[in-house]
Amino acid sequence: MATRLRKTRKLRGGRNMGWGQIGQHRASGHKGGLGVSGMMKYHYSTLLKEDPNHFGHDSTHPPHPNITKKWASVRDLDDLFSKFGKEEEGKKIIDLGAAGFDKLLGGGKVSNTYTVKVNKFTATSEEKIKAVGGEVLADNG
């Protein structure tokens, strides 16, 4: 239908545009404001009905005790040895705890024999390092 033939063209001159009495179909005026306005006043019953936990909260949750912030995989041991490792009595020793790592993961393959000191490690990483003749020492301090 052509725009000039639509009903809205005739309604443009009137003050209500086809919405009856004054004030109908306004933007936010007919509902008492935008968003959560009036929730403690004239919309309080709506708040109780639709959002009863609006002001509530859960009890405090302690932070997770074992958050691992920095980790390394066994595939990274060659690079880590070049940065942080040292060789003593024929053993290649990597102290990951002193280097700032929290945990050793078991991703990848181990190419060399290392003695790794770390706070936490996975069973897979321990198996892979022991399979090539190395060892993992728990460094809890």
Protein backbone atom coordinates (compact mmCIF):
# COMPACT_ATOMS: atom_id res chain seq x y z
CA MET A 1 0.00 0.00 0.00
CA ALA A 2 1.25 3.45 -0.79
CA THR A 3 2.35 5.53 2.18
CA ARG A 4 -0.01 8.36 1.30
CA LEU A 5 -2.99 6.01 1.62
CA ARG A 6 -2.18 4.66 5.07
CA LYS A 7 -4.25 5.45 8.14
CA THR A 8 -1.32 7.07 9.91
CA ARG A 9 -1.24 9.89 7.38
CA LYS A 10 -4.73 10.97 8.48
CA LEU A 11 -3.90 10.59 12.18
CA ARG A 12 -0.82 12.83 12.05
CA GLY A 13 -2.85 15.97 12.60
CA GLY A 14 -4.62 14.70 15.72
CA ARG A 15 -3.05 14.89 19.13
CA ASN A 16 -3.36 11.18 20.00
CA MET A 17 -2.35 9.40 16.78
CA GLY A 18 -5.02 6.74 17.17
CA TRP A 19 -4.34 5.92 20.81
CA GLY A 20 -7.50 7.31 22.34
CA GLN A 21 -7.29 9.56 25.38
CA ILE A 22 -4.35 11.76 26.24
CA GLY A 23 -1.33 10.01 27.67
CA GLN A 24 -1.83 6.57 26.19
CA HIS A 25 1.06 4.85 24.44
CA ARG A 26 3.75 7.17 25.69
CA ALA A 27 7.37 6.07 25.86
CA SER A 28 7.86 5.31 29.56
CA GLY A 29 5.40 7.68 31.12
CA HIS A 30 2.55 5.23 31.38
CA LYS A 31 4.60 2.68 33.34
CA GLY A 32 6.09 4.98 35.97
CA GLY A 33 9.61 5.38 34.63
CA LEU A 34 12.38 3.39 33.01
CA GLY A 35 14.07 0.32 34.45
CA VAL A 36 13.88 -0.20 38.20
CA SER A 37 12.65 3.28 39.03
CA GLY A 38 10.06 3.38 41.78
CA MET A 39 10.85 -0.04 43.19
CA MET A 40 10.92 1.28 46.74
CA LYS A 41 7.86 3.48 46.19
CA TYR A 42 4.99 2.96 43.78
CA HIS A 43 6.37 -0.26 42.25
CA TYR A 44 7.14 -1.97 45.55
CA SER A 45 4.41 -4.57 45.12
CA THR A 46 5.81 -5.41 41.68
CA LEU A 47 9.26 -5.85 43.23
CA LEU A 48 7.91 -8.24 45.85
CA LYS A 49 6.00 -10.24 43.27
CA GLU A 50 8.51 -10.47 40.44
CA ASP A 51 11.90 -10.17 42.17
CA PRO A 52 11.60 -11.25 45.80
CA ASN A 53 15.40 -11.60 46.21
CA HIS A 54 16.16 -8.14 44.87
CA PHE A 55 17.90 -7.00 48.05
CA GLY A 56 19.00 -10.42 49.26
CA HIS A 57 22.41 -12.01 48.93
CA ASP A 58 24.07 -15.35 49.49
CA SER A 59 26.27 -15.94 52.46
CA THR A 60 29.94 -15.20 52.08
CA HIS A 61 31.92 -17.84 50.26
CA PRO A 62 35.54 -18.38 51.22
CA PRO A 63 37.94 -18.22 48.29
CA HIS A 64 38.96 -21.49 46.75
CA PRO A 65 41.90 -22.78 48.78
CA ASN A 66 43.87 -24.23 45.86
CA ILE A 67 43.96 -21.60 43.15
CA THR A 68 46.66 -22.39 40.62
CA LYS A 69 47.80 -19.07 39.23
CA LYS A 70 50.77 -20.13 37.13
CA TRP A 71 51.52 -23.53 35.68
CA ALA A 72 53.79 -25.27 33.19
CA SER A 73 53.52 -28.44 31.16
CA VAL A 74 56.20 -31.09 30.75
CA ARG A 75 56.62 -30.01 27.12
CA ASP A 76 58.03 -26.72 28.44
CA LEU A 77 60.76 -28.25 30.59
CA ASP A 78 63.52 -27.77 28.00
CA ASP A 79 62.81 -24.03 27.78
CA LEU A 80 62.40 -23.72 31.54
CA PHE A 81 65.73 -25.47 32.12
CA SER A 82 67.50 -22.97 29.87
CA LYS A 83 66.02 -20.10 31.94
CA PHE A 84 65.84 -21.41 35.51
CA GLY A 85 67.68 -24.72 35.55
CA LYS A 86 71.05 -25.68 36.94
CA GLU A 87 73.20 -28.76 36.73
CA GLU A 88 74.53 -30.33 39.91
CA GLU A 89 76.40 -33.64 40.12
CA GLY A 90 75.27 -34.65 36.64
CA LYS A 91 71.58 -33.96 37.36
CA LYS A 92 69.54 -31.32 35.58
CA ILE A 93 67.54 -29.59 38.31
CA ILE A 94 64.63 -27.22 37.69
CA ASP A 95 63.15 -25.42 40.70
CA LEU A 96 59.72 -24.37 39.39
CA GLY A 97 58.61 -23.16 42.83
CA ALA A 98 61.40 -20.60 42.93
CA ALA A 99 60.60 -19.61 39.34
CA GLY A 100 57.04 -18.72 40.36
CA PHE A 101 55.17 -21.75 39.04
CA ASP A 102 52.47 -23.36 41.18
CA LYS A 103 51.80 -26.59 39.31
CA LEU A 104 53.30 -28.95 36.72
CA LEU A 105 50.88 -30.40 34.19
CA GLY A 106 51.35 -33.48 32.03
CA GLY A 107 50.83 -32.09 28.52
CA GLY A 108 53.35 -32.99 25.84
CA LYS A 109 56.43 -35.20 25.87
CA VAL A 110 59.61 -35.14 27.92
CA SER A 111 62.83 -35.34 25.93
CA ASN A 112 65.47 -35.09 28.68
CA THR A 113 65.93 -36.35 32.21
CA TYR A 114 65.11 -33.68 34.79
CA THR A 115 64.75 -33.41 38.54
CA VAL A 116 61.82 -31.03 39.02
CA LYS A 117 60.96 -29.27 42.29
CA VAL A 118 57.39 -27.98 42.32
CA ASN A 119 54.56 -27.47 44.83
CA LYS A 120 51.87 -29.43 42.97
CA PHE A 121 51.99 -31.79 40.02
CA THR A 122 49.65 -34.13 38.21
CA ALA A 123 50.00 -37.90 38.12
CA THR A 124 50.50 -37.78 34.35
CA SER A 125 53.41 -35.38 34.61
CA GLU A 126 55.03 -37.55 37.28
CA GLU A 127 54.64 -40.67 35.12
CA LYS A 128 56.15 -39.01 32.05
CA ILE A 129 59.15 -37.64 33.91
CA LYS A 130 59.81 -40.96 35.68
CA ALA A 131 59.49 -42.83 32.37
CA VAL A 132 62.58 -41.05 31.01
CA GLY A 133 64.51 -41.47 34.26
CA GLY A 134 63.79 -38.20 36.04
CA GLU A 135 62.04 -37.42 39.30
CA VAL A 136 59.52 -34.96 40.70
CA LEU A 137 60.10 -33.55 44.17
CA ALA A 138 57.29 -31.94 46.15
CA ASP A 139 58.57 -28.51 47.14
CA ASN A 140 56.22 -27.46 49.95
CA GLY A 141 58.09 -24.51 51.22
